[in-house]
Amino acid sequence: MIGPIFQRETATLPRRGRHFVNRVVFAMMLFAILCTTWLLLAGIQPVQNAGDLARFGVLIFQLIAPFQLIVLLFAAALAGSTAVSHEKDKQTLLLLLMTSLSNAEVVLGKIGAGLLTSVDAFLASIPIIFAITLLGGVSTEQVIACTWITGCTLVASASLGATISFWREKTFQSIAVTMLIIALWLVFGEWIASGSIRSIEPQWANIISPLRAVWDVSQPIASKQILPPDIPIGNPLLAGSFILTIGICLMAISIVMLRQWNPSKER
């Protein structure tokens, strides 16, 4: 559906050993955080009733949800950037542009190829996140909202990395600019949350910043909804939609500007 580039990547990815190692390592990291937190809690105070387990569930969800987002956010951006930069380093991107492939097939194929590894690790971590609801203190709606925001963030970050790589010629420049933009994005969200920007209400930080959105979801009492109260998980739904829209806009920019950026004037 996306094109032959993505189809080739889906066919060759399972043949690589790191395909299995990455998702196992990431899932084990989350499970290690869960076990370590449990050992610390059991060592500090005795767990005697369901209320203690519920408090532990809230604590572990507040640790794992932002950790999962941050790791996958930068991993997807790096994968999206290197998927395009690798073609430029080998000077094979120009060969792709000389074929009958359309701009959309090239752009969406490379973004999809960069997303495969991150999405694979993301899917491997979902059972661990949902298992937290068994402890209590965390609802299924919170986990679904966290999963929705994280998934939309993966698409946006991979699209950002690919767009910058299509624009810039050097691999180091592409990765550096991508990481800088993501860092500024998160800092901007914290700036809004602090109330330093008077023209923007602090609650909008939970929509603009994915880290703030996930942190708001992980709280036992969610903040005031911007959408009508009868819409379930209104703030997470709006935040994920906003972040996903950013990713789609970046894809559209890459599709329109692909043959104007490549080959570059430097080459």
Protein backbone atom coordinates (compact mmCIF):
# COMPACT_ATOMS: atom_id res chain seq x y z
CA MET A 1 0.00 0.00 0.00
CA ILE A 2 2.76 2.45 0.91
CA GLY A 3 5.05 1.27 -1.85
CA PRO A 4 7.81 -1.18 -2.75
CA ILE A 5 10.33 0.48 -0.40
CA PHE A 6 8.21 -0.31 2.64
CA GLN A 7 7.36 -3.77 1.35
CA ARG A 8 11.04 -4.58 0.95
CA GLU A 9 11.76 -3.40 4.48
CA THR A 10 8.99 -5.51 5.97
CA ALA A 11 10.35 -8.54 4.10
CA THR A 12 13.99 -8.07 5.14
CA LEU A 13 13.58 -6.78 8.71
CA PRO A 14 12.70 -10.18 10.29
CA ARG A 15 15.95 -11.59 8.87
CA ARG A 16 18.04 -9.28 11.06
CA GLY A 17 18.99 -10.39 14.53
CA ARG A 18 18.53 -6.93 16.02
CA HIS A 19 14.84 -7.08 15.05
CA PHE A 20 14.32 -9.57 17.88
CA VAL A 21 16.95 -8.17 20.22
CA ASN A 22 15.56 -4.60 20.24
CA ARG A 23 12.04 -5.50 21.28
CA VAL A 24 13.19 -8.02 23.90
CA VAL A 25 15.66 -5.55 25.41
CA PHE A 26 13.08 -2.74 25.56
CA ALA A 27 10.43 -4.97 27.13
CA MET A 28 12.99 -6.25 29.65
CA MET A 29 13.94 -2.66 30.53
CA LEU A 30 10.33 -1.86 31.40
CA PHE A 31 9.96 -5.09 33.35
CA ALA A 32 13.21 -4.34 35.22
CA ILE A 33 11.89 -0.91 36.22
CA LEU A 34 8.70 -2.56 37.49
CA CYS A 35 10.61 -5.17 39.53
CA THR A 36 13.10 -2.64 40.93
CA THR A 37 10.31 -0.32 42.04
CA TRP A 38 8.51 -3.23 43.69
CA LEU A 39 11.65 -4.24 45.60
CA LEU A 40 12.13 -0.67 46.79
CA LEU A 41 8.51 -0.38 47.89
CA ALA A 42 8.51 -3.73 49.68
CA GLY A 43 11.76 -2.83 51.40
CA ILE A 44 10.46 0.51 52.68
CA GLN A 45 7.00 -0.49 53.84
CA PRO A 46 5.05 -3.74 54.09
CA VAL A 47 2.37 -4.31 51.45
CA GLN A 48 -0.68 -5.35 53.45
CA ASN A 49 -3.81 -4.56 51.44
CA ALA A 50 -5.19 -3.64 48.03
CA GLY A 51 -4.69 0.05 48.72
CA ASP A 52 -0.92 -0.44 48.92
CA LEU A 53 -0.97 -2.29 45.59
CA ALA A 54 -3.06 0.49 44.03
CA ARG A 55 -0.56 3.12 45.16
CA PHE A 56 2.22 0.99 43.70
CA GLY A 57 0.28 0.76 40.41
CA VAL A 58 0.02 4.54 40.19
CA LEU A 59 3.70 4.96 41.01
CA ILE A 60 4.94 2.45 38.46
CA PHE A 61 2.65 3.86 35.75
CA GLN A 62 4.02 7.35 36.41
CA LEU A 63 7.53 5.96 35.93
CA ILE A 64 7.03 3.70 32.93
CA ALA A 65 4.72 5.87 30.81
CA PRO A 66 7.07 8.90 30.47
CA PHE A 67 10.11 6.61 30.18
CA GLN A 68 8.51 4.70 27.32
CA LEU A 69 7.58 7.92 25.55
CA ILE A 70 11.01 9.54 25.83
CA VAL A 71 12.92 6.46 24.66
CA LEU A 72 10.63 5.76 21.71
CA LEU A 73 10.38 9.45 20.80
CA PHE A 74 14.11 9.82 20.24
CA ALA A 75 14.48 6.29 18.83
CA ALA A 76 11.80 6.91 16.17
CA ALA A 77 13.29 10.28 15.25
CA LEU A 78 16.75 8.74 14.92
CA ALA A 79 15.40 5.82 12.87
CA GLY A 80 13.47 8.12 10.54
CA SER A 81 16.53 10.29 10.04
CA THR A 82 18.98 7.46 9.43
CA ALA A 83 16.59 5.69 7.03
CA VAL A 84 16.95 8.62 4.63
CA SER A 85 20.54 9.57 5.46
CA HIS A 86 21.66 6.00 4.76
CA GLU A 87 20.36 6.33 1.21
CA LYS A 88 22.14 9.66 0.77
CA ASP A 89 25.42 8.33 2.12
CA LYS A 90 25.33 5.48 -0.38
CA GLN A 91 24.14 7.94 -3.08
CA THR A 92 21.20 5.70 -3.89
CA LEU A 93 18.46 8.26 -3.19
CA LEU A 94 19.03 9.81 -6.60
CA LEU A 95 18.59 6.39 -8.17
CA LEU A 96 15.23 6.07 -6.41
CA LEU A 97 14.19 9.45 -7.80
CA MET A 98 15.11 8.30 -11.32
CA THR A 99 12.69 5.37 -11.12
CA SER A 100 8.94 5.47 -11.68
CA LEU A 101 8.29 5.76 -7.94
CA SER A 102 6.20 8.75 -6.98
CA ASN A 103 7.21 11.24 -4.29
CA ALA A 104 4.63 9.79 -1.92
CA GLU A 105 5.94 6.25 -2.36
CA VAL A 106 9.51 7.33 -1.63
CA VAL A 107 8.66 9.51 1.38
CA LEU A 108 6.07 7.23 2.98
CA GLY A 109 8.21 4.18 2.25
CA LYS A 110 11.25 5.61 4.04
CA ILE A 111 9.19 6.90 6.99
CA GLY A 112 7.45 3.55 7.29
CA ALA A 113 10.79 1.75 7.12
CA GLY A 114 12.15 3.95 9.89
CA LEU A 115 9.07 3.36 12.03
CA LEU A 116 9.17 -0.42 11.88
CA THR A 117 11.81 -0.93 14.59
CA SER A 118 10.26 1.61 16.99
CA VAL A 119 6.73 0.34 16.45
CA ASP A 120 7.96 -3.21 17.04
CA ALA A 121 9.41 -2.23 20.43
CA PHE A 122 6.28 -0.21 21.18
CA LEU A 123 3.99 -3.18 20.52
CA ALA A 124 6.19 -5.41 22.67
CA SER A 125 5.78 -3.02 25.61
CA ILE A 126 1.98 -2.77 25.43
CA PRO A 127 1.28 -5.99 27.42
CA ILE A 128 3.49 -4.74 30.26
CA ILE A 129 1.66 -1.41 30.34
CA PHE A 130 -1.74 -3.10 30.40
CA ALA A 131 -0.58 -5.50 33.12
CA ILE A 132 -0.25 -2.52 35.48
CA THR A 133 -4.05 -2.25 35.59
CA LEU A 134 -4.12 -5.57 37.46
CA LEU A 135 -2.49 -3.87 40.43
CA GLY A 136 -5.21 -1.25 40.69
CA GLY A 137 -4.96 2.51 40.83
CA VAL A 138 -4.71 2.75 37.03
CA SER A 139 -7.73 2.46 34.75
CA THR A 140 -7.86 0.89 31.32
CA GLU A 141 -8.82 4.29 29.87
CA GLN A 142 -5.56 5.76 31.17
CA VAL A 143 -3.51 3.01 29.54
CA ILE A 144 -5.39 3.38 26.24
CA ALA A 145 -4.85 7.15 26.32
CA CYS A 146 -1.14 6.70 27.01
CA THR A 147 -0.86 4.19 24.17
CA TRP A 148 -2.66 6.55 21.78
CA ILE A 149 -0.41 9.51 22.60
CA THR A 150 2.76 7.43 22.36
CA GLY A 151 1.76 5.94 19.02
CA CYS A 152 0.96 9.35 17.52
CA THR A 153 4.26 10.71 18.85
CA LEU A 154 6.16 7.91 17.10
CA VAL A 155 4.64 8.90 13.75
CA ALA A 156 5.37 12.60 14.29
CA SER A 157 8.97 12.08 15.42
CA ALA A 158 9.81 9.69 12.57
CA SER A 159 8.25 12.13 10.09
CA LEU A 160 10.33 14.94 11.56
CA GLY A 161 13.57 12.97 11.28
CA ALA A 162 12.83 11.96 7.69
CA THR A 163 11.83 15.48 6.66
CA ILE A 164 15.03 17.00 8.04
CA SER A 165 17.09 14.28 6.34
CA PHE A 166 15.41 14.89 2.98
CA TRP A 167 16.24 18.58 3.41
CA ARG A 168 19.81 18.41 4.70
CA GLU A 169 22.66 16.65 2.91
CA LYS A 170 24.92 15.59 5.79
CA THR A 171 23.95 12.84 8.23
CA PHE A 172 25.33 14.67 11.26
CA GLN A 173 23.40 17.82 10.37
CA SER A 174 20.16 15.88 9.98
CA ILE A 175 20.46 14.07 13.31
CA ALA A 176 21.61 17.18 15.19
CA VAL A 177 18.80 19.38 13.86
CA THR A 178 16.20 16.67 14.52
CA MET A 179 17.28 16.16 18.13
CA LEU A 180 17.45 19.92 18.69
CA ILE A 181 13.90 20.44 17.42
CA ILE A 182 12.56 17.65 19.64
CA ALA A 183 14.35 19.10 22.67
CA LEU A 184 12.94 22.57 21.91
CA TRP A 185 9.48 21.03 21.49
CA LEU A 186 9.62 19.50 24.97
CA VAL A 187 11.11 22.66 26.49
CA PHE A 188 8.37 24.76 24.88
CA GLY A 189 5.76 22.54 26.52
CA GLU A 190 7.40 23.00 29.93
CA TRP A 191 7.55 26.74 29.31
CA ILE A 192 3.82 26.85 28.64
CA ALA A 193 3.08 24.68 31.69
CA SER A 194 5.01 27.07 33.92
CA GLY A 195 2.68 29.93 32.93
CA SER A 196 5.50 32.06 31.53
CA ILE A 197 3.57 32.67 28.30
CA ARG A 198 0.57 34.73 29.34
CA SER A 199 -1.20 34.45 26.00
CA ILE A 200 -1.41 30.63 26.31
CA GLU A 201 -3.18 28.88 29.17
CA PRO A 202 -0.93 26.41 31.06
CA GLN A 203 -3.39 23.56 30.44
CA TRP A 204 -2.57 23.73 26.71
CA ALA A 205 0.83 22.25 27.55
CA ASN A 206 -0.98 18.93 28.00
CA ILE A 207 -2.01 19.17 24.33
CA ILE A 208 1.13 20.57 22.72
CA SER A 209 3.81 18.57 24.53
CA PRO A 210 3.63 14.76 24.34
CA LEU A 211 5.58 14.45 27.59
CA ARG A 212 3.11 16.70 29.41
CA ALA A 213 0.19 14.84 27.84
CA VAL A 214 1.43 11.47 29.09
CA TRP A 215 2.22 12.88 32.52
CA ASP A 216 -1.31 14.30 32.76
CA VAL A 217 -2.76 10.91 31.80
CA SER A 218 -0.72 9.15 34.48
CA GLN A 219 -2.16 11.29 37.28
CA PRO A 220 -4.92 9.75 39.46
CA ILE A 221 -7.00 12.91 38.95
CA ALA A 222 -6.82 14.26 35.41
CA SER A 223 -6.74 17.97 34.68
CA LYS A 224 -9.71 19.94 33.40
CA GLN A 225 -10.79 18.87 29.93
CA ILE A 226 -10.60 21.31 27.06
CA LEU A 227 -13.15 19.34 25.02
CA PRO A 228 -16.72 18.79 26.32
CA PRO A 229 -16.85 16.53 29.41
CA ASP A 230 -19.03 13.92 27.69
CA ILE A 231 -16.13 12.98 25.35
CA PRO A 232 -14.09 10.16 26.95
CA ILE A 233 -10.34 10.80 27.39
CA GLY A 234 -10.89 14.22 25.79
CA ASN A 235 -7.49 15.76 26.50
CA PRO A 236 -5.46 12.69 25.42
CA LEU A 237 -7.61 12.37 22.29
CA LEU A 238 -6.98 16.02 21.42
CA ALA A 239 -3.27 15.78 22.22
CA GLY A 240 -2.76 12.67 20.10
CA SER A 241 -4.72 14.18 17.21
CA PHE A 242 -2.67 17.37 17.37
CA ILE A 243 0.63 15.46 17.39
CA LEU A 244 -0.53 13.16 14.58
CA THR A 245 -1.54 16.20 12.52
CA ILE A 246 2.00 17.55 12.90
CA GLY A 247 3.36 14.27 11.55
CA ILE A 248 0.97 14.29 8.58
CA CYS A 249 1.91 17.90 7.77
CA LEU A 250 5.60 16.97 7.83
CA MET A 251 4.91 14.06 5.47
CA ALA A 252 3.09 16.41 3.10
CA ILE A 253 6.00 18.88 3.14
CA SER A 254 8.46 16.10 2.34
CA ILE A 255 6.31 14.83 -0.52
CA VAL A 256 5.94 18.27 -2.09
CA MET A 257 9.58 19.35 -1.64
CA LEU A 258 11.33 16.02 -2.28
CA ARG A 259 12.57 16.73 -5.82
CA GLN A 260 13.36 20.34 -5.01
CA TRP A 261 15.61 19.37 -2.12
CA ASN A 262 17.22 16.46 -3.96
CA PRO A 263 19.68 16.59 -5.52
CA SER A 264 20.91 19.42 -3.32
CA LYS A 265 22.68 22.53 -4.60
CA GLU A 266 25.82 21.41 -2.79
CA ARG A 267 25.97 18.22 -4.85
